[in-house]
Amino acid sequence: MSEKPVILVNHLTVDPGKQDALIALLCENTQTLIRTLPGWRTTRLIAAADGAGVVIYSEWETPAAVAAMRDDPRMKAYFPKIAALARFNSLLGSEVANITP
């Protein structure tokens, strides 16, 4: 296991009035599927105060773990459910700075 996690950030633009439904869907999937996948470390959901979006911040052990998650048939079945509520963009990378007080 690598010390430095791979970070996956998904920005979801939510259709009007659907942010709560999207958050419920994301929480359910994270609790029942994501957390069981090899290489997963943590997930945080950040909701826009104006209801227009959600950010998913996840840490994984390796890029291969992220690829395996995306290729998992259970995840492939889940993606259309997200698409019914929102559009999303993904960024896969690693932390390059952590600026704190």
N, C-alpha and C. Protein backbone atom coordinates (compact mmCIF):
# COMPACT_ATOMS: atom_id res chain seq x y z
N MET A 1 0.84 -1.18 0.00
CA MET A 1 0.00 0.00 0.00
C MET A 1 0.88 1.24 0.00
N SER A 2 0.60 2.14 -0.92
CA SER A 2 1.34 3.38 -1.03
C SER A 2 0.97 4.33 0.09
N GLU A 3 1.93 5.14 0.53
CA GLU A 3 1.66 6.14 1.56
C GLU A 3 0.81 7.28 1.00
N LYS A 4 1.10 7.71 -0.20
CA LYS A 4 0.42 8.85 -0.80
C LYS A 4 -0.78 8.36 -1.62
N PRO A 5 -1.98 8.78 -1.26
CA PRO A 5 -3.15 8.28 -1.99
C PRO A 5 -3.30 8.92 -3.36
N VAL A 6 -4.01 8.23 -4.21
CA VAL A 6 -4.46 8.78 -5.48
C VAL A 6 -5.80 9.45 -5.17
N ILE A 7 -5.99 10.66 -5.66
CA ILE A 7 -7.20 11.41 -5.37
C ILE A 7 -8.07 11.48 -6.61
N LEU A 8 -9.33 11.12 -6.43
CA LEU A 8 -10.33 11.21 -7.49
C LEU A 8 -11.33 12.27 -7.07
N VAL A 9 -11.47 13.31 -7.89
CA VAL A 9 -12.44 14.37 -7.63
C VAL A 9 -13.45 14.38 -8.76
N ASN A 10 -14.72 14.25 -8.40
CA ASN A 10 -15.81 14.34 -9.37
C ASN A 10 -16.63 15.57 -9.04
N HIS A 11 -16.83 16.42 -10.03
CA HIS A 11 -17.70 17.58 -9.87
C HIS A 11 -18.99 17.29 -10.62
N LEU A 12 -20.10 17.26 -9.89
CA LEU A 12 -21.40 16.96 -10.49
C LEU A 12 -22.25 18.22 -10.51
N THR A 13 -22.71 18.60 -11.67
CA THR A 13 -23.63 19.71 -11.83
C THR A 13 -25.03 19.13 -11.79
N VAL A 14 -25.80 19.56 -10.80
CA VAL A 14 -27.08 18.94 -10.50
C VAL A 14 -28.22 19.65 -11.23
N ASP A 15 -29.15 18.86 -11.74
CA ASP A 15 -30.36 19.44 -12.30
C ASP A 15 -31.14 20.12 -11.18
N PRO A 16 -31.85 21.22 -11.48
CA PRO A 16 -32.56 21.96 -10.44
C PRO A 16 -33.47 21.07 -9.59
N GLY A 17 -33.35 21.25 -8.27
CA GLY A 17 -34.18 20.53 -7.32
C GLY A 17 -33.79 19.09 -7.07
N LYS A 18 -32.67 18.64 -7.61
CA LYS A 18 -32.31 17.22 -7.48
C LYS A 18 -31.08 16.96 -6.63
N GLN A 19 -30.55 18.00 -5.97
CA GLN A 19 -29.33 17.81 -5.18
C GLN A 19 -29.53 16.81 -4.05
N ASP A 20 -30.64 16.91 -3.32
CA ASP A 20 -30.88 15.99 -2.20
C ASP A 20 -30.98 14.54 -2.68
N ALA A 21 -31.65 14.32 -3.80
CA ALA A 21 -31.76 12.97 -4.35
C ALA A 21 -30.40 12.44 -4.78
N LEU A 22 -29.58 13.31 -5.36
CA LEU A 22 -28.24 12.90 -5.77
C LEU A 22 -27.39 12.54 -4.56
N ILE A 23 -27.44 13.35 -3.52
CA ILE A 23 -26.66 13.07 -2.32
C ILE A 23 -27.09 11.74 -1.70
N ALA A 24 -28.39 11.49 -1.64
CA ALA A 24 -28.88 10.21 -1.11
C ALA A 24 -28.35 9.04 -1.93
N LEU A 25 -28.36 9.18 -3.26
CA LEU A 25 -27.86 8.13 -4.14
C LEU A 25 -26.36 7.90 -3.92
N LEU A 26 -25.59 8.98 -3.83
CA LEU A 26 -24.15 8.87 -3.63
C LEU A 26 -23.82 8.26 -2.27
N CYS A 27 -24.55 8.65 -1.24
CA CYS A 27 -24.32 8.07 0.10
C CYS A 27 -24.61 6.58 0.10
N GLU A 28 -25.73 6.20 -0.49
CA GLU A 28 -26.10 4.78 -0.54
C GLU A 28 -25.03 3.97 -1.27
N ASN A 29 -24.61 4.45 -2.42
CA ASN A 29 -23.61 3.72 -3.20
C ASN A 29 -22.27 3.64 -2.48
N THR A 30 -21.88 4.72 -1.81
CA THR A 30 -20.62 4.70 -1.08
C THR A 30 -20.68 3.72 0.08
N GLN A 31 -21.79 3.71 0.80
CA GLN A 31 -21.93 2.82 1.95
C GLN A 31 -22.03 1.35 1.55
N THR A 32 -22.72 1.06 0.44
CA THR A 32 -22.98 -0.34 0.09
C THR A 32 -21.99 -0.94 -0.90
N LEU A 33 -21.36 -0.09 -1.73
CA LEU A 33 -20.46 -0.64 -2.75
C LEU A 33 -19.04 -0.09 -2.67
N ILE A 34 -18.90 1.21 -2.80
CA ILE A 34 -17.56 1.82 -2.88
C ILE A 34 -16.67 1.38 -1.72
N ARG A 35 -17.21 1.43 -0.51
CA ARG A 35 -16.38 1.12 0.66
C ARG A 35 -15.92 -0.34 0.69
N THR A 36 -16.51 -1.20 -0.12
CA THR A 36 -16.11 -2.61 -0.16
C THR A 36 -15.05 -2.90 -1.21
N LEU A 37 -14.76 -1.93 -2.06
CA LEU A 37 -13.85 -2.17 -3.18
C LEU A 37 -12.38 -2.10 -2.74
N PRO A 38 -11.55 -2.98 -3.28
CA PRO A 38 -10.12 -2.95 -2.95
C PRO A 38 -9.50 -1.61 -3.34
N GLY A 39 -8.70 -1.08 -2.45
CA GLY A 39 -7.96 0.15 -2.73
C GLY A 39 -8.67 1.42 -2.31
N TRP A 40 -9.93 1.35 -1.91
CA TRP A 40 -10.64 2.55 -1.48
C TRP A 40 -10.18 2.94 -0.08
N ARG A 41 -10.00 4.23 0.15
CA ARG A 41 -9.59 4.73 1.46
C ARG A 41 -10.66 5.58 2.13
N THR A 42 -11.17 6.58 1.43
CA THR A 42 -12.15 7.49 2.03
C THR A 42 -12.89 8.25 0.94
N THR A 43 -14.08 8.72 1.28
CA THR A 43 -14.87 9.57 0.38
C THR A 43 -15.51 10.67 1.20
N ARG A 44 -15.48 11.88 0.64
CA ARG A 44 -16.17 13.02 1.21
C ARG A 44 -17.09 13.59 0.15
N LEU A 45 -18.30 13.96 0.56
CA LEU A 45 -19.24 14.63 -0.34
C LEU A 45 -19.37 16.07 0.10
N ILE A 46 -19.28 16.99 -0.84
CA ILE A 46 -19.40 18.41 -0.56
C ILE A 46 -20.56 18.94 -1.40
N ALA A 47 -21.57 19.50 -0.73
CA ALA A 47 -22.75 20.01 -1.41
C ALA A 47 -22.66 21.52 -1.59
N ALA A 48 -22.98 22.01 -2.77
CA ALA A 48 -23.02 23.45 -3.01
C ALA A 48 -24.17 24.06 -2.22
N ALA A 49 -23.92 25.19 -1.58
CA ALA A 49 -24.94 25.85 -0.77
C ALA A 49 -26.15 26.27 -1.60
N ASP A 50 -25.94 26.53 -2.89
CA ASP A 50 -27.04 26.96 -3.76
C ASP A 50 -27.79 25.80 -4.41
N GLY A 51 -27.42 24.56 -4.08
CA GLY A 51 -28.10 23.39 -4.62
C GLY A 51 -27.73 23.03 -6.04
N ALA A 52 -26.70 23.67 -6.58
CA ALA A 52 -26.35 23.47 -7.98
C ALA A 52 -25.31 22.39 -8.24
N GLY A 53 -24.77 21.79 -7.20
CA GLY A 53 -23.74 20.80 -7.47
C GLY A 53 -23.28 20.05 -6.25
N VAL A 54 -22.51 19.01 -6.51
CA VAL A 54 -21.91 18.18 -5.48
C VAL A 54 -20.50 17.83 -5.95
N VAL A 55 -19.57 17.83 -5.02
CA VAL A 55 -18.21 17.37 -5.30
C VAL A 55 -18.00 16.09 -4.51
N ILE A 56 -17.46 15.08 -5.18
CA ILE A 56 -17.07 13.84 -4.53
C ILE A 56 -15.54 13.84 -4.48
N TYR A 57 -15.00 13.78 -3.28
CA TYR A 57 -13.55 13.70 -3.08
C TYR A 57 -13.27 12.31 -2.52
N SER A 58 -12.52 11.50 -3.27
CA SER A 58 -12.21 10.14 -2.83
C SER A 58 -10.72 9.91 -2.88
N GLU A 59 -10.24 9.13 -1.94
CA GLU A 59 -8.84 8.72 -1.93
C GLU A 59 -8.78 7.22 -2.17
N TRP A 60 -7.84 6.83 -3.04
CA TRP A 60 -7.64 5.44 -3.43
C TRP A 60 -6.16 5.12 -3.32
N GLU A 61 -5.84 3.85 -3.20
CA GLU A 61 -4.45 3.44 -3.07
C GLU A 61 -3.65 3.62 -4.35
N THR A 62 -4.27 3.29 -5.50
CA THR A 62 -3.54 3.32 -6.77
C THR A 62 -4.48 3.74 -7.91
N PRO A 63 -3.92 4.19 -9.02
CA PRO A 63 -4.75 4.44 -10.20
C PRO A 63 -5.46 3.15 -10.67
N ALA A 64 -4.82 2.01 -10.50
CA ALA A 64 -5.43 0.74 -10.90
C ALA A 64 -6.69 0.46 -10.08
N ALA A 65 -6.71 0.85 -8.82
CA ALA A 65 -7.90 0.66 -7.99
C ALA A 65 -9.06 1.50 -8.51
N VAL A 66 -8.76 2.72 -8.96
CA VAL A 66 -9.79 3.59 -9.54
C VAL A 66 -10.30 2.97 -10.84
N ALA A 67 -9.40 2.49 -11.67
CA ALA A 67 -9.80 1.87 -12.94
C ALA A 67 -10.67 0.64 -12.68
N ALA A 68 -10.30 -0.17 -11.68
CA ALA A 68 -11.09 -1.36 -11.35
C ALA A 68 -12.48 -0.97 -10.86
N MET A 69 -12.57 0.09 -10.07
CA MET A 69 -13.88 0.58 -9.61
C MET A 69 -14.73 0.98 -10.80
N ARG A 70 -14.16 1.73 -11.72
CA ARG A 70 -14.91 2.20 -12.89
C ARG A 70 -15.35 1.05 -13.79
N ASP A 71 -14.58 -0.03 -13.81
CA ASP A 71 -14.90 -1.19 -14.65
C ASP A 71 -15.80 -2.21 -13.96
N ASP A 72 -16.03 -2.04 -12.67
CA ASP A 72 -16.87 -2.98 -11.93
C ASP A 72 -18.30 -2.94 -12.50
N PRO A 73 -18.88 -4.09 -12.82
CA PRO A 73 -20.23 -4.11 -13.41
C PRO A 73 -21.28 -3.43 -12.53
N ARG A 74 -21.10 -3.50 -11.22
CA ARG A 74 -22.06 -2.84 -10.32
C ARG A 74 -21.96 -1.33 -10.45
N MET A 75 -20.76 -0.81 -10.68
CA MET A 75 -20.60 0.63 -10.88
C MET A 75 -21.14 1.03 -12.25
N LYS A 76 -20.89 0.21 -13.25
CA LYS A 76 -21.41 0.53 -14.58
C LYS A 76 -22.93 0.61 -14.57
N ALA A 77 -23.58 -0.20 -13.75
CA ALA A 77 -25.04 -0.15 -13.62
C ALA A 77 -25.48 1.09 -12.86
N TYR A 78 -24.63 1.62 -12.03
CA TYR A 78 -24.93 2.77 -11.18
C TYR A 78 -24.78 4.10 -11.93
N PHE A 79 -23.85 4.19 -12.87
CA PHE A 79 -23.58 5.44 -13.58
C PHE A 79 -24.81 6.05 -14.25
N PRO A 80 -25.69 5.29 -14.89
CA PRO A 80 -26.90 5.91 -15.48
C PRO A 80 -27.80 6.56 -14.44
N LYS A 81 -27.79 6.06 -13.22
CA LYS A 81 -28.60 6.66 -12.15
C LYS A 81 -28.07 8.06 -11.82
N ILE A 82 -26.75 8.21 -11.82
CA ILE A 82 -26.16 9.53 -11.61
C ILE A 82 -26.50 10.44 -12.78
N ALA A 83 -26.35 9.92 -13.99
CA ALA A 83 -26.60 10.73 -15.19
C ALA A 83 -28.04 11.22 -15.27
N ALA A 84 -28.97 10.52 -14.63
CA ALA A 84 -30.36 10.96 -14.63
C ALA A 84 -30.55 12.20 -13.76
N LEU A 85 -29.60 12.47 -12.86
CA LEU A 85 -29.71 13.59 -11.93
C LEU A 85 -28.70 14.70 -12.19
N ALA A 86 -27.58 14.37 -12.82
CA ALA A 86 -26.50 15.35 -12.92
C ALA A 86 -25.54 15.01 -14.06
N ARG A 87 -24.73 15.99 -14.41
CA ARG A 87 -23.63 15.80 -15.34
C ARG A 87 -22.34 15.90 -14.54
N PHE A 88 -21.31 15.15 -14.94
CA PHE A 88 -20.11 15.20 -14.11
C PHE A 88 -18.82 15.18 -14.91
N ASN A 89 -17.80 15.74 -14.26
CA ASN A 89 -16.43 15.74 -14.76
C ASN A 89 -15.55 15.14 -13.69
N SER A 90 -14.51 14.43 -14.10
CA SER A 90 -13.61 13.78 -13.15
C SER A 90 -12.18 14.28 -13.32
N LEU A 91 -11.46 14.25 -12.22
CA LEU A 91 -10.04 14.58 -12.21
C LEU A 91 -9.36 13.53 -11.33
N LEU A 92 -8.32 12.91 -11.84
CA LEU A 92 -7.55 11.92 -11.09
C LEU A 92 -6.14 12.45 -10.94
N GLY A 93 -5.67 12.53 -9.70
CA GLY A 93 -4.33 13.07 -9.50
C GLY A 93 -3.82 12.75 -8.11
N SER A 94 -2.85 13.57 -7.67
CA SER A 94 -2.30 13.41 -6.33
C SER A 94 -2.08 14.78 -5.73
N GLU A 95 -2.03 14.80 -4.42
CA GLU A 95 -1.84 16.06 -3.71
C GLU A 95 -0.46 16.61 -3.99
N VAL A 96 -0.39 17.89 -4.33
CA VAL A 96 0.91 18.53 -4.56
C VAL A 96 1.21 19.61 -3.54
N ALA A 97 0.19 20.03 -2.77
CA ALA A 97 0.40 21.00 -1.70
C ALA A 97 -0.73 20.86 -0.70
N ASN A 98 -0.42 21.05 0.56
CA ASN A 98 -1.41 21.04 1.63
C ASN A 98 -1.12 22.27 2.47
N ILE A 99 -1.86 23.33 2.23
CA ILE A 99 -1.58 24.62 2.89
C ILE A 99 -2.56 24.79 4.04
N THR A 100 -2.05 24.82 5.24
CA THR A 100 -2.88 24.96 6.44
C THR A 100 -2.30 26.07 7.30
N PRO A 101 -3.09 26.58 8.25
CA PRO A 101 -2.57 27.64 9.11
C PRO A 101 -1.43 27.17 9.99
